[in-house]
Amino acid sequence: MKFLNFFLAFFFLTTTMNAQITITNNDMPNVNDTFRLSTTNNIQGLDPVLTGTNYSWNFSTLVPSSQRLDTFFSVSSTPLAYQFYFNNIILYPNHKASYAIKGIDLGIPQVPITEVFNYIKNSSSAYDNVGFGSKINGVPSSTQNNPVDREYTFPMNYNDNHNSNSVFGMSVPTFGYYGQSVERIDTVDGWGTLTLPNANYTVLRVKSILHKIDTTYIDQFGFGTTIPRPEEIEYKWLAVGTGIPVLKIITNAGNVTQIEYQDIDLNVSVAEINEINGLKLFPNPAKNFITIDFESTIAGSVKVKLKDVLGKDIATIYTNNLAAGNNKLLIDLARHSIQSGIYFVELSIDNKEYFVQKLVIAE
């Protein structure tokens, strides 16, 4: 997994070279890839606008306020209601997605769009956001981008640029209509080396200017309106083989609103990394039982939790005292009445998280 490759980079910092790189679709994520992202909105006085050729960006002083795990799910593992629109090469070949990832809530206060899955098509020529599945006012719905939102074109090199326009629209129960148009202006405006708190990279820098316009129509009043959003700019630093940008900074109306970068688990120190070794979870997919096998240099109280794709606790499926040495945890899923689906298994010792892995529970 690319997450593991990045994790190893914590110990062996990447040796960068003063040479331009090319990004292709092979550098994008694969199904089941998981990435740990540190997030903040404190730019530490740095200027994300600065760029150039053979440029050195130093963001080593960034301090995260939180972390999250992003996983790229197979389309077939997402709700069936969404698959009709994003896993249907006969009816919707342009929207046949390669994978899906959890997205952020969209919409406006009157139209909550929650529990979003963004669907991505990764091909040899482009990386397209083809639409999303979500709950709209609590009702599951699929929404295609027509045309699709083209985030990258391949192969990607310095000085490349492209423009695209995408639109989505939906009928909203008890409300009326909500839609959004997006104009994207992309420029590969720099290359060089990037320094983050825990690694160095050779990168291309992509600047994406986004002009978004919301459109609403309220049935009750027979009235519609369009609302332009402030200009949004995404600054993205991409490296070979890292899947997603190693650093992404978003500004709205010139103000930094979000910073995220690939990172290690800040709850685990270098010494603690060596406390748990050779950890394996099997079988996966599972049905009635799973086994977690690992070597431990410490003893303590072990707890295994099951979480849903939103990070919510579903059940504590194992608790016991842990001894140093080889440990094999046999966990009976059936006794917890867990439904089939996609989950995350979290293992902690003395309330310290050591391990998170995706688990598919089959029918």
Protein backbone atom coordinates (compact mmCIF):
# COMPACT_ATOMS: atom_id res chain seq x y z
CA MET A 1 0.00 0.00 0.00
CA LYS A 2 1.16 3.53 -0.70
CA PHE A 3 0.47 4.35 2.96
CA LEU A 4 3.13 1.81 3.95
CA ASN A 5 5.59 3.27 1.45
CA PHE A 6 5.06 6.72 2.89
CA PHE A 7 5.36 5.35 6.42
CA LEU A 8 8.81 4.00 5.59
CA ALA A 9 9.78 7.39 4.22
CA PHE A 10 9.63 8.68 7.79
CA PHE A 11 12.83 6.76 8.47
CA PHE A 12 14.52 7.12 5.11
CA LEU A 13 13.89 10.62 3.84
CA THR A 14 13.58 10.81 0.09
CA THR A 15 16.77 11.86 -1.70
CA THR A 16 15.70 14.61 -4.08
CA MET A 17 17.37 15.51 -7.36
CA ASN A 18 17.32 18.76 -9.27
CA ALA A 19 15.40 17.38 -12.22
CA GLN A 20 11.92 17.78 -13.57
CA ILE A 21 9.54 14.86 -13.13
CA THR A 22 6.54 13.67 -15.12
CA ILE A 23 3.31 12.57 -13.43
CA THR A 24 1.18 9.87 -15.10
CA ASN A 25 -1.92 7.92 -14.17
CA ASN A 26 0.37 5.27 -12.63
CA ASP A 27 1.22 7.79 -9.90
CA MET A 28 -2.43 8.08 -8.87
CA PRO A 29 -4.05 5.93 -6.13
CA ASN A 30 -5.06 2.30 -6.45
CA VAL A 31 -8.07 0.55 -4.92
CA ASN A 32 -7.57 -0.01 -1.16
CA ASP A 33 -4.79 2.58 -0.88
CA THR A 34 -4.97 4.43 2.44
CA PHE A 35 -3.34 7.79 3.18
CA ARG A 36 -2.82 9.51 6.52
CA LEU A 37 -3.27 13.27 6.17
CA SER A 38 -2.39 15.94 8.70
CA THR A 39 -4.59 19.04 8.43
CA THR A 40 -4.40 22.63 9.63
CA ASN A 41 -5.32 26.14 8.50
CA ASN A 42 -2.25 27.83 10.01
CA ILE A 43 0.12 28.67 7.15
CA GLN A 44 2.88 29.71 9.60
CA GLY A 45 3.51 32.92 7.66
CA LEU A 46 4.49 31.01 4.51
CA ASP A 47 3.30 32.05 1.05
CA PRO A 48 1.74 29.27 -1.07
CA VAL A 49 1.73 31.52 -4.15
CA LEU A 50 5.53 31.42 -4.57
CA THR A 51 6.75 29.02 -7.24
CA GLY A 52 9.26 28.61 -10.05
CA THR A 53 11.65 26.23 -11.80
CA ASN A 54 14.01 24.15 -9.68
CA TYR A 55 12.28 25.82 -6.74
CA SER A 56 12.65 24.81 -3.08
CA TRP A 57 9.46 24.97 -1.01
CA ASN A 58 10.06 24.64 2.72
CA PHE A 59 6.92 23.80 4.70
CA SER A 60 8.77 21.94 7.46
CA THR A 61 7.28 24.23 10.14
CA LEU A 62 3.66 23.17 9.55
CA VAL A 63 1.94 22.00 12.75
CA PRO A 64 -1.18 19.83 12.30
CA SER A 65 -4.36 20.43 14.26
CA SER A 66 -5.86 17.04 13.33
CA GLN A 67 -5.35 13.93 11.23
CA ARG A 68 -7.55 11.69 9.12
CA LEU A 69 -7.27 8.53 7.04
CA ASP A 70 -8.44 8.59 3.41
CA THR A 71 -9.14 5.25 1.73
CA PHE A 72 -9.89 4.60 -1.93
CA PHE A 73 -12.72 2.06 -2.05
CA SER A 74 -13.62 -0.24 -4.90
CA VAL A 75 -16.77 0.95 -6.66
CA SER A 76 -18.37 -2.46 -6.11
CA SER A 77 -18.09 -2.00 -2.34
CA THR A 78 -20.14 1.23 -2.32
CA PRO A 79 -23.97 1.32 -2.10
CA LEU A 80 -25.75 -0.43 -4.96
CA ALA A 81 -27.91 2.64 -5.59
CA TYR A 82 -24.78 4.55 -6.59
CA GLN A 83 -23.23 1.77 -8.67
CA PHE A 84 -25.92 2.00 -11.35
CA TYR A 85 -24.54 5.41 -12.33
CA PHE A 86 -20.83 4.88 -11.63
CA ASN A 87 -20.25 1.18 -12.37
CA ASN A 88 -22.21 0.88 -15.61
CA ILE A 89 -19.95 0.92 -18.65
CA ILE A 90 -22.85 0.20 -21.02
CA LEU A 91 -25.13 3.11 -20.12
CA TYR A 92 -22.55 5.53 -18.67
CA PRO A 93 -19.10 4.76 -20.10
CA ASN A 94 -17.78 8.27 -19.36
CA HIS A 95 -18.78 7.87 -15.71
CA LYS A 96 -17.46 4.33 -15.15
CA ALA A 97 -15.37 5.02 -12.04
CA SER A 98 -12.10 3.39 -11.02
CA TYR A 99 -12.73 3.89 -7.30
CA ALA A 100 -14.52 6.03 -4.73
CA ILE A 101 -13.41 8.12 -1.76
CA LYS A 102 -15.28 9.72 1.10
CA GLY A 103 -15.92 13.39 0.39
CA ILE A 104 -16.89 16.43 2.40
CA ASP A 105 -20.47 17.60 2.92
CA LEU A 106 -21.71 19.90 0.16
CA GLY A 107 -24.61 22.18 -0.54
CA ILE A 108 -26.09 25.11 1.33
CA PRO A 109 -27.83 25.21 4.74
CA GLN A 110 -31.26 24.64 3.17
CA VAL A 111 -29.96 21.64 1.19
CA PRO A 112 -27.68 19.41 3.32
CA ILE A 113 -25.71 16.95 1.18
CA THR A 114 -24.08 14.48 3.54
CA GLU A 115 -22.26 11.11 3.62
CA VAL A 116 -20.64 11.86 0.26
CA PHE A 117 -18.76 9.33 -1.88
CA ASN A 118 -16.80 10.97 -4.71
CA TYR A 119 -16.29 8.74 -7.74
CA ILE A 120 -13.03 8.98 -9.68
CA LYS A 121 -12.10 7.67 -13.13
CA ASN A 122 -8.36 7.21 -13.57
CA SER A 123 -7.27 6.58 -17.17
CA SER A 124 -4.05 6.88 -19.15
CA SER A 125 -5.10 10.36 -20.33
CA ALA A 126 -6.91 11.94 -17.37
CA TYR A 127 -8.02 11.86 -13.75
CA ASP A 128 -11.72 12.78 -13.64
CA ASN A 129 -14.18 13.39 -10.82
CA VAL A 130 -17.25 11.86 -12.50
CA GLY A 131 -19.80 12.55 -9.75
CA PHE A 132 -20.87 11.60 -6.28
CA GLY A 133 -23.34 9.57 -4.27
CA SER A 134 -24.80 11.15 -1.15
CA LYS A 135 -27.76 11.64 1.10
CA ILE A 136 -29.75 14.74 0.15
CA ASN A 137 -32.04 15.81 2.96
CA GLY A 138 -31.46 12.28 4.24
CA VAL A 139 -32.45 10.56 0.96
CA PRO A 140 -29.79 8.55 -0.96
CA SER A 141 -29.09 9.99 -4.41
CA SER A 142 -26.54 9.72 -7.23
CA THR A 143 -25.34 12.83 -9.03
CA GLN A 144 -23.20 12.78 -12.16
CA ASN A 145 -20.93 15.60 -13.29
CA ASN A 146 -21.87 16.43 -16.89
CA PRO A 147 -19.34 17.06 -18.24
CA VAL A 148 -16.93 15.49 -15.76
CA ASP A 149 -14.59 17.56 -13.61
CA ARG A 150 -11.12 16.92 -15.08
CA GLU A 151 -8.64 17.33 -12.23
CA TYR A 152 -5.48 16.24 -14.10
CA THR A 153 -4.43 15.43 -17.66
CA PHE A 154 -1.64 12.93 -18.37
CA PRO A 155 1.24 12.88 -18.89
CA MET A 156 1.70 15.96 -16.69
CA ASN A 157 4.77 18.16 -17.12
CA TYR A 158 5.93 21.65 -16.17
CA ASN A 159 4.13 24.45 -18.06
CA ASP A 160 1.17 22.22 -18.97
CA ASN A 161 -2.25 23.83 -18.61
CA HIS A 162 -5.85 22.97 -19.31
CA ASN A 163 -9.34 24.36 -18.69
CA SER A 164 -12.51 22.40 -18.03
CA ASN A 165 -16.10 23.03 -17.06
CA SER A 166 -18.34 20.69 -15.09
CA VAL A 167 -21.95 20.88 -13.96
CA PHE A 168 -24.18 18.89 -11.66
CA GLY A 169 -27.81 19.33 -10.74
CA MET A 170 -30.37 17.46 -8.65
CA SER A 171 -33.96 17.53 -7.54
CA VAL A 172 -34.15 17.86 -3.77
CA PRO A 173 -37.09 16.33 -1.86
CA THR A 174 -39.21 18.95 0.01
CA PHE A 175 -37.06 21.75 -1.44
CA GLY A 176 -36.80 22.03 -5.22
CA TYR A 177 -33.52 22.06 -7.13
CA TYR A 178 -29.85 22.51 -6.33
CA GLY A 179 -26.95 22.57 -8.76
CA GLN A 180 -23.43 23.84 -9.19
CA SER A 181 -21.21 24.74 -12.13
CA VAL A 182 -17.41 24.70 -11.84
CA GLU A 183 -14.87 26.28 -14.15
CA ARG A 184 -11.38 24.84 -13.54
CA ILE A 185 -8.22 26.53 -14.81
CA ASP A 186 -5.16 24.34 -14.19
CA THR A 187 -1.50 25.29 -14.64
CA VAL A 188 1.60 23.28 -13.77
CA ASP A 189 3.45 26.36 -12.59
CA GLY A 190 6.53 24.99 -10.87
CA TRP A 191 8.88 22.08 -10.17
CA GLY A 192 11.59 21.41 -7.63
CA THR A 193 11.90 20.10 -4.08
CA LEU A 194 9.36 20.19 -1.26
CA THR A 195 10.23 19.85 2.42
CA LEU A 196 7.49 18.75 4.82
CA PRO A 197 7.81 18.08 8.56
CA ASN A 198 8.72 14.42 8.00
CA ALA A 199 9.94 14.00 4.42
CA ASN A 200 11.44 15.60 1.30
CA TYR A 201 10.04 15.17 -2.23
CA THR A 202 10.81 15.98 -5.83
CA VAL A 203 7.57 17.52 -7.08
CA LEU A 204 5.50 19.23 -9.73
CA ARG A 205 3.34 22.10 -8.47
CA VAL A 206 -0.19 22.47 -9.87
CA LYS A 207 -2.30 25.59 -9.42
CA SER A 208 -6.06 25.12 -9.91
CA ILE A 209 -8.32 28.19 -10.03
CA LEU A 210 -11.96 27.23 -9.40
CA HIS A 211 -14.95 29.43 -10.16
CA LYS A 212 -18.10 27.90 -8.63
CA ILE A 213 -21.69 29.05 -9.03
CA ASP A 214 -24.54 27.61 -6.96
CA THR A 215 -28.02 27.45 -8.49
CA THR A 216 -31.16 26.92 -6.41
CA TYR A 217 -34.87 26.82 -7.10
CA ILE A 218 -37.40 26.72 -4.25
CA ASP A 219 -40.68 25.02 -5.21
CA GLN A 220 -42.63 26.60 -2.34
CA PHE A 221 -41.93 30.12 -3.59
CA GLY A 222 -41.54 29.42 -7.31
CA PHE A 223 -38.26 31.31 -7.16
CA GLY A 224 -34.70 30.54 -8.23
CA THR A 225 -31.33 32.25 -7.93
CA THR A 226 -27.66 31.85 -8.79
CA ILE A 227 -24.97 32.59 -6.21
CA PRO A 228 -21.30 32.89 -7.30
CA ARG A 229 -18.90 31.63 -4.66
CA PRO A 230 -15.62 33.42 -3.88
CA GLU A 231 -12.71 32.38 -6.07
CA GLU A 232 -11.12 29.19 -4.79
CA ILE A 233 -7.52 28.23 -5.55
CA GLU A 234 -5.96 24.83 -4.93
CA TYR A 235 -2.16 24.63 -4.75
CA LYS A 236 -1.07 21.00 -5.09
CA TRP A 237 2.39 19.43 -4.94
CA LEU A 238 2.58 16.00 -6.63
CA ALA A 239 5.40 13.47 -6.46
CA VAL A 240 6.03 10.23 -8.31
CA GLY A 241 4.26 7.22 -6.78
CA THR A 242 2.61 9.02 -3.86
CA GLY A 243 -0.99 8.61 -5.08
CA ILE A 244 -2.42 11.94 -3.97
CA PRO A 245 -0.78 15.35 -3.51
CA VAL A 246 1.85 15.25 -0.79
CA LEU A 247 0.75 18.80 0.06
CA LYS A 248 -2.46 20.65 -0.79
CA ILE A 249 -3.30 24.22 0.21
CA ILE A 250 -6.72 25.77 -0.49
CA THR A 251 -7.50 29.47 -0.45
CA ASN A 252 -10.87 31.19 -0.70
CA ALA A 253 -10.95 34.87 -1.69
CA GLY A 254 -7.21 34.92 -1.02
CA ASN A 255 -7.41 33.49 2.52
CA VAL A 256 -5.93 30.10 3.42
CA THR A 257 -8.80 27.87 4.53
CA GLN A 258 -7.24 24.40 4.48
CA ILE A 259 -3.82 22.75 4.46
CA GLU A 260 -3.36 18.99 4.26
CA TYR A 261 -0.25 16.89 3.77
CA GLN A 262 0.77 13.25 3.89
CA ASP A 263 2.18 12.39 7.29
CA ILE A 264 2.89 9.67 9.82
CA ASP A 265 0.67 8.87 12.79
CA LEU A 266 1.54 11.63 15.27
CA ASN A 267 0.17 9.52 18.11
CA VAL A 268 2.94 6.99 17.56
CA SER A 269 6.55 7.90 18.31
CA VAL A 270 9.58 6.28 16.65
CA ALA A 271 10.13 4.10 19.72
CA GLU A 272 6.49 3.03 19.75
CA ILE A 273 6.63 1.99 16.10
CA ASN A 274 9.01 -0.78 17.11
CA GLU A 275 6.70 -2.01 19.88
CA ILE A 276 4.37 -3.81 17.45
CA ASN A 277 5.86 -5.78 14.55
CA GLY A 278 4.68 -8.11 11.80
CA LEU A 279 1.02 -7.31 12.31
CA LYS A 280 -1.39 -9.23 10.04
CA LEU A 281 -5.18 -9.33 9.83
CA PHE A 282 -6.82 -12.26 8.03
CA PRO A 283 -8.95 -13.40 6.34
CA ASN A 284 -10.01 -10.25 4.49
CA PRO A 285 -12.77 -10.34 3.30
CA ALA A 286 -14.07 -12.13 6.38
CA LYS A 287 -17.39 -13.65 7.39
CA ASN A 288 -17.56 -15.06 10.93
CA PHE A 289 -14.02 -14.76 12.34
CA ILE A 290 -10.86 -12.70 11.93
CA THR A 291 -7.39 -13.25 13.32
CA ILE A 292 -4.94 -10.49 14.21
CA ASP A 293 -1.40 -11.82 14.54
CA PHE A 294 1.58 -9.72 15.72
CA GLU A 295 4.77 -9.61 17.77
CA SER A 296 4.76 -7.22 20.74
CA THR A 297 7.60 -5.93 22.92
CA ILE A 298 5.14 -4.52 25.48
CA ALA A 299 2.33 -5.75 27.69
CA GLY A 300 -0.93 -3.98 28.43
CA SER A 301 -4.68 -3.88 27.94
CA VAL A 302 -5.55 -4.51 24.29
CA LYS A 303 -8.80 -3.35 22.68
CA VAL A 304 -10.03 -3.89 19.14
CA LYS A 305 -12.80 -1.66 17.76
CA LEU A 306 -14.79 -1.79 14.56
CA LYS A 307 -15.53 1.57 12.90
CA ASP A 308 -17.65 2.46 9.87
CA VAL A 309 -16.36 4.38 6.84
CA LEU A 310 -17.32 7.65 8.56
CA GLY A 311 -15.05 6.82 11.51
CA LYS A 312 -17.91 6.13 13.91
CA ASP A 313 -17.52 3.35 16.50
CA ILE A 314 -19.68 0.34 15.64
CA ALA A 315 -18.57 -2.13 18.29
CA THR A 316 -15.72 -3.15 20.57
CA ILE A 317 -15.05 -6.65 19.30
CA TYR A 318 -12.15 -7.68 21.53
CA THR A 319 -10.70 -6.78 24.94
CA ASN A 320 -8.06 -8.66 26.92
CA ASN A 321 -4.75 -8.32 28.68
CA LEU A 322 -1.78 -8.48 26.32
CA ALA A 323 1.53 -10.20 27.07
CA ALA A 324 4.83 -9.39 25.42
CA GLY A 325 5.80 -11.83 22.67
CA ASN A 326 3.82 -13.41 19.87
CA ASN A 327 0.09 -12.65 20.06
CA LYS A 328 -2.73 -14.15 18.03
CA LEU A 329 -6.18 -12.61 18.60
CA LEU A 330 -9.08 -14.77 17.36
CA ILE A 331 -12.18 -12.59 17.10
CA ASP A 332 -15.72 -13.90 16.64
CA LEU A 333 -17.57 -11.40 14.46
CA ALA A 334 -20.81 -13.36 14.49
CA ARG A 335 -21.38 -12.82 18.21
CA HIS A 336 -21.48 -9.06 17.63
CA SER A 337 -24.16 -9.30 14.90
CA ILE A 338 -22.06 -7.22 12.47
CA GLN A 339 -23.75 -6.68 9.10
CA SER A 340 -21.85 -7.16 5.85
CA GLY A 341 -20.06 -4.09 4.55
CA ILE A 342 -16.83 -2.09 4.76
CA TYR A 343 -15.31 -1.27 8.14
CA PHE A 344 -12.04 -0.23 9.76
CA VAL A 345 -10.40 -2.33 12.48
CA GLU A 346 -8.59 -0.27 15.13
CA LEU A 347 -6.21 -1.95 17.59
CA SER A 348 -5.07 -0.04 20.68
CA ILE A 349 -2.97 -0.96 23.69
CA ASP A 350 -3.56 0.98 26.89
CA ASN A 351 -5.74 3.36 24.83
CA LYS A 352 -2.88 4.11 22.41
CA GLU A 353 -3.73 3.44 18.75
CA TYR A 354 -1.26 1.17 16.94
CA PHE A 355 -3.10 -0.18 13.95
CA VAL A 356 -5.94 0.72 11.59
CA GLN A 357 -6.87 -1.47 8.62
CA LYS A 358 -9.83 -1.72 6.32
CA LEU A 359 -11.91 -4.91 6.67
CA VAL A 360 -14.59 -6.19 4.31
CA ILE A 361 -17.23 -8.37 5.97
CA ALA A 362 -18.96 -10.57 3.43
CA GLU A 363 -22.49 -11.91 3.59
